[in-house]
């Protein structure tokens, strides 16, 4: 039985952040161009579902997954 990867908490210092900003801020990808491509290509999941909107507002507790790495938006 496979175990899921641990979830890493990433404090954002506020209530909300845009998906594209968070992917870069959390260190999932380094460049804005790579972030844009990964989101548009459907490689980034939000709470287990593909979301192709870079400008999506993430809320505290949302979990973003990229290449098996899971990070949670926290205060």
PDB file of N, CA and C in Angstrom:
ATOM      1  N   UNK A   1       0.836  -1.172   0.000  1.00  0.00           N
ATOM      2  CA  UNK A   1       0.000   0.000   0.000  1.00  0.00           C
ATOM      3  C   UNK A   1       0.883   1.238   0.000  1.00  0.00           C
ATOM      4  N   UNK A   2       0.692   2.128  -0.940  1.00  0.00           N
ATOM      5  CA  UNK A   2       1.533   3.323  -1.069  1.00  0.00           C
ATOM      6  C   UNK A   2       1.120   4.374  -0.046  1.00  0.00           C
ATOM      7  N   UNK A   3       2.111   5.054   0.490  1.00  0.00           N
ATOM      8  CA  UNK A   3       1.811   6.154   1.416  1.00  0.00           C
ATOM      9  C   UNK A   3       1.946   7.465   0.654  1.00  0.00           C
ATOM     10  N   UNK A   4       1.130   8.421   1.028  1.00  0.00           N
ATOM     11  CA  UNK A   4       1.185   9.716   0.358  1.00  0.00           C
ATOM     12  C   UNK A   4       2.384  10.504   0.874  1.00  0.00           C
ATOM     13  N   UNK A   5       2.885  11.379   0.014  1.00  0.00           N
ATOM     14  CA  UNK A   5       3.972  12.249   0.422  1.00  0.00           C
ATOM     15  C   UNK A   5       3.478  13.179   1.524  1.00  0.00           C
ATOM     16  N   UNK A   6       4.364  13.568   2.431  1.00  0.00           N
ATOM     17  CA  UNK A   6       3.944  14.501   3.485  1.00  0.00           C
ATOM     18  C   UNK A   6       3.583  15.863   2.893  1.00  0.00           C
ATOM     19  N   UNK A   7       2.770  16.592   3.633  1.00  0.00           N
ATOM     20  CA  UNK A   7       2.378  17.927   3.209  1.00  0.00           C
ATOM     21  C   UNK A   7       3.251  18.933   3.947  1.00  0.00           C
ATOM     22  N   UNK A   8       3.845  19.832   3.184  1.00  0.00           N
ATOM     23  CA  UNK A   8       4.704  20.868   3.745  1.00  0.00           C
ATOM     24  C   UNK A   8       3.879  22.153   3.900  1.00  0.00           C
ATOM     25  N   UNK A   9       3.873  22.717   5.103  1.00  0.00           N
ATOM     26  CA  UNK A   9       3.167  23.976   5.330  1.00  0.00           C
ATOM     27  C   UNK A   9       4.024  25.150   4.884  1.00  0.00           C
ATOM     28  N   UNK A  10       3.422  26.061   4.114  1.00  0.00           N
ATOM     29  CA  UNK A  10       4.116  27.255   3.630  1.00  0.00           C
ATOM     30  C   UNK A  10       3.333  28.484   4.081  1.00  0.00           C
ATOM     31  N   UNK A  11       3.862  29.200   5.092  1.00  0.00           N
ATOM     32  CA  UNK A  11       3.155  30.401   5.561  1.00  0.00           C
ATOM     33  C   UNK A  11       3.258  31.538   4.548  1.00  0.00           C
ATOM     34  N   UNK A  12       2.111  32.192   4.286  1.00  0.00           N
ATOM     35  CA  UNK A  12       2.085  33.261   3.292  1.00  0.00           C
ATOM     36  C   UNK A  12       2.013  34.651   3.910  1.00  0.00           C
ATOM     37  N   UNK A  13       1.782  34.728   5.223  1.00  0.00           N
ATOM     38  CA  UNK A  13       1.740  36.029   5.888  1.00  0.00           C
ATOM     39  C   UNK A  13       0.516  36.849   5.535  1.00  0.00           C
ATOM     40  N   UNK A  14      -0.573  36.178   5.187  1.00  0.00           N
ATOM     41  CA  UNK A  14      -1.815  36.874   4.844  1.00  0.00           C
ATOM     42  C   UNK A  14      -2.949  35.878   4.745  1.00  0.00           C
ATOM     43  N   UNK A  15      -4.045  36.320   4.168  1.00  0.00           N
ATOM     44  CA  UNK A  15      -5.233  35.477   4.064  1.00  0.00           C
ATOM     45  C   UNK A  15      -5.316  34.718   2.740  1.00  0.00           C
ATOM     46  N   UNK A  16      -4.786  35.313   1.668  1.00  0.00           N
ATOM     47  CA  UNK A  16      -4.927  34.701   0.347  1.00  0.00           C
ATOM     48  C   UNK A  16      -3.713  35.037  -0.514  1.00  0.00           C
ATOM     49  N   UNK A  17      -3.505  34.215  -1.544  1.00  0.00           N
ATOM     50  CA  UNK A  17      -2.414  34.428  -2.494  1.00  0.00           C
ATOM     51  C   UNK A  17      -2.849  33.793  -3.814  1.00  0.00           C
ATOM     52  N   UNK A  18      -2.372  34.320  -4.910  1.00  0.00           N
ATOM     53  CA  UNK A  18      -2.718  33.755  -6.217  1.00  0.00           C
ATOM     54  C   UNK A  18      -1.904  32.482  -6.459  1.00  0.00           C
ATOM     55  N   UNK A  19      -2.499  31.563  -7.210  1.00  0.00           N
ATOM     56  CA  UNK A  19      -1.862  30.267  -7.467  1.00  0.00           C
ATOM     57  C   UNK A  19      -0.473  30.421  -8.066  1.00  0.00           C
ATOM     58  N   UNK A  20      -0.339  31.239  -9.106  1.00  0.00           N
ATOM     59  CA  UNK A  20       0.964  31.423  -9.748  1.00  0.00           C
ATOM     60  C   UNK A  20       2.016  31.956  -8.787  1.00  0.00           C
ATOM     61  N   UNK A  21       1.621  32.904  -7.952  1.00  0.00           N
ATOM     62  CA  UNK A  21       2.551  33.466  -6.966  1.00  0.00           C
ATOM     63  C   UNK A  21       2.958  32.407  -5.954  1.00  0.00           C
ATOM     64  N   UNK A  22       1.990  31.612  -5.514  1.00  0.00           N
ATOM     65  CA  UNK A  22       2.261  30.620  -4.482  1.00  0.00           C
ATOM     66  C   UNK A  22       3.198  29.519  -4.974  1.00  0.00           C
ATOM     67  N   UNK A  23       3.000  29.070  -6.211  1.00  0.00           N
ATOM     68  CA  UNK A  23       3.860  28.010  -6.758  1.00  0.00           C
ATOM     69  C   UNK A  23       5.323  28.459  -6.736  1.00  0.00           C
ATOM     70  N   UNK A  24       5.553  29.697  -7.097  1.00  0.00           N
ATOM     71  CA  UNK A  24       6.914  30.244  -7.090  1.00  0.00           C
ATOM     72  C   UNK A  24       7.392  30.481  -5.661  1.00  0.00           C
ATOM     73  N   UNK A  25       6.537  31.091  -4.825  1.00  0.00           N
ATOM     74  CA  UNK A  25       6.879  31.399  -3.435  1.00  0.00           C
ATOM     75  C   UNK A  25       7.241  30.139  -2.642  1.00  0.00           C
ATOM     76  N   UNK A  26       6.506  29.056  -2.903  1.00  0.00           N
ATOM     77  CA  UNK A  26       6.734  27.799  -2.178  1.00  0.00           C
ATOM     78  C   UNK A  26       7.957  27.050  -2.694  1.00  0.00           C
ATOM     79  N   UNK A  27       8.544  27.532  -3.811  1.00  0.00           N
ATOM     80  CA  UNK A  27       9.740  26.902  -4.347  1.00  0.00           C
ATOM     81  C   UNK A  27       9.464  25.672  -5.197  1.00  0.00           C
ATOM     82  N   UNK A  28       8.205  25.512  -5.636  1.00  0.00           N
ATOM     83  CA  UNK A  28       7.893  24.375  -6.499  1.00  0.00           C
ATOM     84  C   UNK A  28       8.517  24.563  -7.873  1.00  0.00           C
ATOM     85  N   UNK A  29       8.589  25.798  -8.333  1.00  0.00           N
ATOM     86  CA  UNK A  29       9.255  26.168  -9.581  1.00  0.00           C
ATOM     87  C   UNK A  29       9.960  27.504  -9.363  1.00  0.00           C
ATOM     88  N   UNK A  30      11.019  27.754 -10.138  1.00  0.00           N
ATOM     89  CA  UNK A  30      11.830  28.952  -9.924  1.00  0.00           C
ATOM     90  C   UNK A  30      11.424  30.160 -10.756  1.00  0.00           C
ATOM     91  N   UNK A  31      10.981  29.930 -11.981  1.00  0.00           N
ATOM     92  CA  UNK A  31      10.711  31.083 -12.848  1.00  0.00           C
ATOM     93  C   UNK A  31       9.223  31.237 -13.134  1.00  0.00           C
ATOM     94  N   UNK A  32       8.821  32.469 -13.329  1.00  0.00           N
ATOM     95  CA  UNK A  32       7.431  32.766 -13.654  1.00  0.00           C
ATOM     96  C   UNK A  32       6.974  32.089 -14.929  1.00  0.00           C
ATOM     97  N   UNK A  33       7.868  31.996 -15.908  1.00  0.00           N
ATOM     98  CA  UNK A  33       7.535  31.335 -17.167  1.00  0.00           C
ATOM     99  C   UNK A  33       7.260  29.860 -16.976  1.00  0.00           C
ATOM    100  N   UNK A  34       8.088  29.207 -16.150  1.00  0.00           N
ATOM    101  CA  UNK A  34       7.876  27.786 -15.860  1.00  0.00           C
ATOM    102  C   UNK A  34       6.565  27.576 -15.109  1.00  0.00           C
ATOM    103  N   UNK A  35       6.270  28.486 -14.179  1.00  0.00           N
ATOM    104  CA  UNK A  35       5.019  28.410 -13.417  1.00  0.00           C
ATOM    105  C   UNK A  35       3.829  28.497 -14.367  1.00  0.00           C
ATOM    106  N   UNK A  36       3.862  29.487 -15.254  1.00  0.00           N
ATOM    107  CA  UNK A  36       2.773  29.690 -16.213  1.00  0.00           C
ATOM    108  C   UNK A  36       2.542  28.438 -17.048  1.00  0.00           C
ATOM    109  N   UNK A  37       3.623  27.870 -17.593  1.00  0.00           N
ATOM    110  CA  UNK A  37       3.513  26.674 -18.435  1.00  0.00           C
ATOM    111  C   UNK A  37       2.961  25.482 -17.657  1.00  0.00           C
ATOM    112  N   UNK A  38       3.478  25.269 -16.450  1.00  0.00           N
ATOM    113  CA  UNK A  38       3.040  24.121 -15.651  1.00  0.00           C
ATOM    114  C   UNK A  38       1.554  24.212 -15.326  1.00  0.00           C
ATOM    115  N   UNK A  39       1.083  25.412 -14.998  1.00  0.00           N
ATOM    116  CA  UNK A  39      -0.333  25.586 -14.672  1.00  0.00           C
ATOM    117  C   UNK A  39      -1.193  25.394 -15.920  1.00  0.00           C
ATOM    118  N   UNK A  40      -0.808  26.031 -17.020  1.00  0.00           N
ATOM    119  CA  UNK A  40      -1.575  25.906 -18.266  1.00  0.00           C
ATOM    120  C   UNK A  40      -1.607  24.452 -18.750  1.00  0.00           C
ATOM    121  N   UNK A  41      -0.498  23.724 -18.566  1.00  0.00           N
ATOM    122  CA  UNK A  41      -0.420  22.332 -19.010  1.00  0.00           C
ATOM    123  C   UNK A  41      -1.155  21.364 -18.071  1.00  0.00           C
ATOM    124  N   UNK A  42      -1.719  21.886 -16.983  1.00  0.00           N
ATOM    125  CA  UNK A  42      -2.478  21.040 -16.060  1.00  0.00           C
ATOM    126  C   UNK A  42      -1.626  20.195 -15.139  1.00  0.00           C
ATOM    127  N   UNK A  43      -0.393  20.611 -14.909  1.00  0.00           N
ATOM    128  CA  UNK A  43       0.522  19.842 -14.060  1.00  0.00           C
ATOM    129  C   UNK A  43       0.411  20.210 -12.582  1.00  0.00           C
ATOM    130  N   UNK A  44      -0.315  21.293 -12.295  1.00  0.00           N
ATOM    131  CA  UNK A  44      -0.465  21.767 -10.918  1.00  0.00           C
ATOM    132  C   UNK A  44      -1.885  21.450 -10.443  1.00  0.00           C
ATOM    133  N   UNK A  45      -1.971  20.804  -9.278  1.00  0.00           N
ATOM    134  CA  UNK A  45      -3.271  20.474  -8.696  1.00  0.00           C
ATOM    135  C   UNK A  45      -3.544  21.366  -7.500  1.00  0.00           C
ATOM    136  N   UNK A  46      -4.799  21.747  -7.344  1.00  0.00           N
ATOM    137  CA  UNK A  46      -5.238  22.482  -6.157  1.00  0.00           C
ATOM    138  C   UNK A  46      -6.306  21.632  -5.488  1.00  0.00           C
ATOM    139  N   UNK A  47      -6.019  21.217  -4.261  1.00  0.00           N
ATOM    140  CA  UNK A  47      -6.933  20.337  -3.523  1.00  0.00           C
ATOM    141  C   UNK A  47      -7.306  19.096  -4.348  1.00  0.00           C
ATOM    142  N   UNK A  48      -6.301  18.565  -5.060  1.00  0.00           N
ATOM    143  CA  UNK A  48      -6.477  17.325  -5.796  1.00  0.00           C
ATOM    144  C   UNK A  48      -7.073  17.458  -7.190  1.00  0.00           C
ATOM    145  N   UNK A  49      -7.358  18.683  -7.630  1.00  0.00           N
ATOM    146  CA  UNK A  49      -7.948  18.886  -8.950  1.00  0.00           C
ATOM    147  C   UNK A  49      -7.096  19.840  -9.789  1.00  0.00           C
ATOM    148  N   UNK A  50      -7.047  19.579 -11.097  1.00  0.00           N
ATOM    149  CA  UNK A  50      -6.319  20.465 -12.011  1.00  0.00           C
ATOM    150  C   UNK A  50      -7.015  21.821 -12.037  1.00  0.00           C
ATOM    151  N   UNK A  51      -6.221  22.879 -11.944  1.00  0.00           N
ATOM    152  CA  UNK A  51      -6.761  24.238 -12.096  1.00  0.00           C
ATOM    153  C   UNK A  51      -5.783  25.005 -12.963  1.00  0.00           C
ATOM    154  N   UNK A  52      -6.249  25.455 -14.123  1.00  0.00           N
ATOM    155  CA  UNK A  52      -5.366  26.115 -15.085  1.00  0.00           C
ATOM    156  C   UNK A  52      -5.389  27.638 -14.970  1.00  0.00           C
ATOM    157  N   UNK A  53      -5.883  28.158 -13.863  1.00  0.00           N
ATOM    158  CA  UNK A  53      -5.962  29.618 -13.671  1.00  0.00           C
ATOM    159  C   UNK A  53      -4.833  30.084 -12.751  1.00  0.00           C
ATOM    160  N   UNK A  54      -3.852  30.744 -13.330  1.00  0.00           N
ATOM    161  CA  UNK A  54      -2.744  31.277 -12.518  1.00  0.00           C
ATOM    162  C   UNK A  54      -3.233  32.247 -11.470  1.00  0.00           C
ATOM    163  N   UNK A  55      -4.298  32.991 -11.809  1.00  0.00           N
ATOM    164  CA  UNK A  55      -4.803  34.013 -10.911  1.00  0.00           C
ATOM    165  C   UNK A  55      -5.787  33.516  -9.871  1.00  0.00           C
ATOM    166  N   UNK A  56      -6.012  32.213  -9.812  1.00  0.00           N
ATOM    167  CA  UNK A  56      -6.934  31.669  -8.812  1.00  0.00           C
ATOM    168  C   UNK A  56      -6.495  32.087  -7.415  1.00  0.00           C
ATOM    169  N   UNK A  57      -7.424  32.577  -6.638  1.00  0.00           N
ATOM    170  CA  UNK A  57      -7.129  32.957  -5.261  1.00  0.00           C
ATOM    171  C   UNK A  57      -7.113  31.711  -4.385  1.00  0.00           C
ATOM    172  N   UNK A  58      -5.965  31.429  -3.783  1.00  0.00           N
ATOM    173  CA  UNK A  58      -5.870  30.326  -2.831  1.00  0.00           C
ATOM    174  C   UNK A  58      -6.222  30.856  -1.453  1.00  0.00           C
ATOM    175  N   UNK A  59      -6.817  30.021  -0.667  1.00  0.00           N
ATOM    176  CA  UNK A  59      -7.189  30.376   0.700  1.00  0.00           C
ATOM    177  C   UNK A  59      -6.361  29.536   1.673  1.00  0.00           C
ATOM    178  N   UNK A  60      -6.327  29.941   2.922  1.00  0.00           N
ATOM    179  CA  UNK A  60      -5.625  29.172   3.944  1.00  0.00           C
ATOM    180  C   UNK A  60      -6.179  27.754   3.972  1.00  0.00           C
ATOM    181  N   UNK A  61      -5.284  26.776   4.000  1.00  0.00           N
ATOM    182  CA  UNK A  61      -5.676  25.375   4.035  1.00  0.00           C
ATOM    183  C   UNK A  61      -5.677  24.691   2.684  1.00  0.00           C
ATOM    184  N   UNK A  62      -5.648  25.465   1.586  1.00  0.00           N
ATOM    185  CA  UNK A  62      -5.588  24.855   0.253  1.00  0.00           C
ATOM    186  C   UNK A  62      -4.272  24.098   0.100  1.00  0.00           C
ATOM    187  N   UNK A  63      -4.328  22.969  -0.608  1.00  0.00           N
ATOM    188  CA  UNK A  63      -3.128  22.156  -0.850  1.00  0.00           C
ATOM    189  C   UNK A  63      -2.813  22.159  -2.341  1.00  0.00           C
ATOM    190  N   UNK A  64      -1.571  22.545  -2.658  1.00  0.00           N
ATOM    191  CA  UNK A  64      -1.111  22.611  -4.042  1.00  0.00           C
ATOM    192  C   UNK A  64      -0.104  21.487  -4.255  1.00  0.00           C
ATOM    193  N   UNK A  65      -0.285  20.743  -5.356  1.00  0.00           N
ATOM    194  CA  UNK A  65       0.588  19.608  -5.653  1.00  0.00           C
ATOM    195  C   UNK A  65       1.252  19.811  -7.009  1.00  0.00           C
ATOM    196  N   UNK A  66       2.570  19.571  -7.046  1.00  0.00           N
ATOM    197  CA  UNK A  66       3.318  19.615  -8.304  1.00  0.00           C
ATOM    198  C   UNK A  66       4.413  18.566  -8.236  1.00  0.00           C
ATOM    199  N   UNK A  67       4.433  17.671  -9.213  1.00  0.00           N
ATOM    200  CA  UNK A  67       5.441  16.603  -9.303  1.00  0.00           C
ATOM    201  C   UNK A  67       5.591  15.838  -7.986  1.00  0.00           C
ATOM    202  N   UNK A  68       4.455  15.506  -7.368  1.00  0.00           N
ATOM    203  CA  UNK A  68       4.462  14.713  -6.145  1.00  0.00           C
ATOM    204  C   UNK A  68       4.706  15.488  -4.872  1.00  0.00           C
ATOM    205  N   UNK A  69       5.095  16.731  -4.991  1.00  0.00           N
ATOM    206  CA  UNK A  69       5.345  17.549  -3.796  1.00  0.00           C
ATOM    207  C   UNK A  69       4.063  18.285  -3.428  1.00  0.00           C
ATOM    208  N   UNK A  70       3.664  18.186  -2.163  1.00  0.00           N
ATOM    209  CA  UNK A  70       2.419  18.816  -1.714  1.00  0.00           C
ATOM    210  C   UNK A  70       2.728  19.898  -0.690  1.00  0.00           C
ATOM    211  N   UNK A  71       2.172  21.068  -0.920  1.00  0.00           N
ATOM    212  CA  UNK A  71       2.366  22.181   0.002  1.00  0.00           C
ATOM    213  C   UNK A  71       1.010  22.793   0.351  1.00  0.00           C
ATOM    214  N   UNK A  72       0.877  23.172   1.636  1.00  0.00           N
ATOM    215  CA  UNK A  72      -0.381  23.722   2.115  1.00  0.00           C
ATOM    216  C   UNK A  72      -0.206  25.201   2.429  1.00  0.00           C
ATOM    217  N   UNK A  73      -1.173  26.011   2.001  1.00  0.00           N
ATOM    218  CA  UNK A  73      -1.200  27.444   2.289  1.00  0.00           C
ATOM    219  C   UNK A  73      -1.558  27.605   3.762  1.00  0.00           C
ATOM    220  N   UNK A  74      -0.696  28.271   4.521  1.00  0.00           N
ATOM    221  CA  UNK A  74      -1.033  28.524   5.932  1.00  0.00           C
ATOM    222  C   UNK A  74      -0.626  29.946   6.304  1.00  0.00           C
ATOM    223  N   UNK A  75      -1.170  30.392   7.447  1.00  0.00           N
ATOM    224  CA  UNK A  75      -0.936  31.777   7.905  1.00  0.00           C
ATOM    225  C   UNK A  75       0.469  31.942   8.445  1.00  0.00           C
TER     226      UNK A  75
END
